[in-house]
Amino acid sequence: MDEQDMEAAVKLLVTAAVRDGGRRVSVHLADQAEKVLVVALSHQPGAAPEGEVFTALQALATVDSCGDDLADDGRRLWALLDAAPRPRRPPRPA
């Protein structure tokens, strides 16, 4: 798992959820089959999608997909990250 990508994804999702103007933000994490799902719920219905947050998420190397949807309890923003260990680089010749 790339901890920097995970931290960046959580910050991006939470910041976007806070901008929705609700009183609360919920963050949920789930993992399965070397993938991690991060979901931020804004608890604010009717928020408009935000293109720049998705562009920033897609720029992260370990983000497989991202998006949002609206529900009765607010907007859900999510990112699916690849948690498989990255292959080690071979040592440099001396």
Protein backbone atom coordinates (compact mmCIF):
# COMPACT_ATOMS: atom_id res chain seq x y z
CA MET A 1 0.00 0.00 0.00
CA ASP A 2 1.30 3.40 -0.91
CA GLU A 3 0.68 5.37 2.28
CA GLN A 4 1.19 8.75 0.57
CA ASP A 5 -1.48 7.96 -2.03
CA MET A 6 -3.86 6.76 0.69
CA GLU A 7 -3.33 9.93 2.74
CA ALA A 8 -3.76 12.14 -0.34
CA ALA A 9 -6.95 10.31 -1.40
CA VAL A 10 -8.50 10.65 2.08
CA LYS A 11 -7.65 14.37 2.22
CA LEU A 12 -9.10 15.01 -1.24
CA LEU A 13 -12.31 13.13 -0.49
CA VAL A 14 -12.84 14.70 2.94
CA THR A 15 -12.09 18.21 1.66
CA ALA A 16 -14.66 17.78 -1.13
CA ALA A 17 -17.25 16.43 1.34
CA VAL A 18 -16.67 19.36 3.70
CA ARG A 19 -17.19 21.79 0.81
CA ASP A 20 -20.69 20.34 0.38
CA GLY A 21 -21.66 22.35 3.46
CA GLY A 22 -23.06 19.63 5.69
CA ARG A 23 -22.65 19.53 9.45
CA ARG A 24 -20.94 16.15 9.43
CA VAL A 25 -18.57 14.09 7.31
CA SER A 26 -18.21 10.33 7.62
CA VAL A 27 -15.20 8.41 6.32
CA HIS A 28 -15.39 4.67 5.68
CA LEU A 29 -12.63 2.25 4.69
CA ALA A 30 -12.96 -1.28 3.37
CA ASP A 31 -10.42 -3.71 1.99
CA GLN A 32 -10.72 -6.82 -0.12
CA ALA A 33 -8.49 -8.65 -2.59
CA GLU A 34 -5.60 -6.18 -2.33
CA LYS A 35 -7.88 -3.18 -2.91
CA VAL A 36 -8.87 -0.44 -0.46
CA LEU A 37 -12.10 1.51 -0.83
CA VAL A 38 -12.21 4.95 0.77
CA VAL A 39 -15.64 6.61 1.00
CA ALA A 40 -16.42 10.09 2.34
CA LEU A 41 -20.09 10.90 2.95
CA SER A 42 -21.05 14.57 3.13
CA HIS A 43 -24.51 14.12 4.72
CA GLN A 44 -25.61 16.97 2.44
CA PRO A 45 -28.13 16.05 -0.28
CA GLY A 46 -28.13 17.71 -3.66
CA ALA A 47 -24.44 18.61 -3.90
CA ALA A 48 -23.03 18.99 -7.40
CA PRO A 49 -20.18 16.76 -8.61
CA GLU A 50 -16.72 18.26 -8.45
CA GLY A 51 -14.47 17.58 -11.44
CA GLU A 52 -11.17 18.78 -9.99
CA VAL A 53 -11.23 16.34 -7.08
CA PHE A 54 -11.57 13.43 -9.51
CA THR A 55 -8.75 14.74 -11.68
CA ALA A 56 -6.51 14.95 -8.62
CA LEU A 57 -7.51 11.45 -7.48
CA GLN A 58 -6.86 9.94 -10.91
CA ALA A 59 -3.37 11.45 -10.85
CA LEU A 60 -2.46 9.24 -7.86
CA ALA A 61 -0.58 6.15 -9.02
CA THR A 62 -2.53 3.61 -6.95
CA VAL A 63 -6.07 4.90 -7.62
CA ASP A 64 -7.89 2.40 -9.84
CA SER A 65 -11.17 4.34 -10.02
CA CYS A 66 -13.10 7.10 -8.28
CA GLY A 67 -16.48 8.79 -8.40
CA ASP A 68 -19.47 10.03 -6.48
CA ASP A 69 -23.18 9.45 -6.20
CA LEU A 70 -26.11 11.09 -4.45
CA ALA A 71 -28.29 9.37 -1.87
CA ASP A 72 -30.97 10.53 0.55
CA ASP A 73 -28.34 10.96 3.25
CA GLY A 74 -25.94 13.00 1.09
CA ARG A 75 -23.21 12.70 -1.47
CA ARG A 76 -20.79 9.78 -1.35
CA LEU A 77 -17.36 10.37 -2.80
CA TRP A 78 -15.15 7.34 -3.23
CA ALA A 79 -11.80 6.11 -4.47
CA LEU A 80 -10.61 2.54 -5.00
CA LEU A 81 -6.89 2.11 -4.43
CA ASP A 82 -4.62 -0.78 -5.33
CA ALA A 83 -3.07 -2.09 -2.11
CA ALA A 84 -0.82 -4.72 -3.69
CA PRO A 85 2.80 -4.29 -2.72
CA ARG A 86 4.78 -2.62 -5.45
CA PRO A 87 7.66 -4.60 -6.88
CA ARG A 88 11.04 -3.65 -5.52
CA ARG A 89 13.49 -2.05 -7.85
CA PRO A 90 16.58 -4.11 -8.54
CA PRO A 91 19.70 -2.82 -6.81
CA ARG A 92 21.88 -0.51 -8.84
CA PRO A 93 25.11 -2.00 -10.08
CA ALA A 94 28.08 -0.82 -8.08
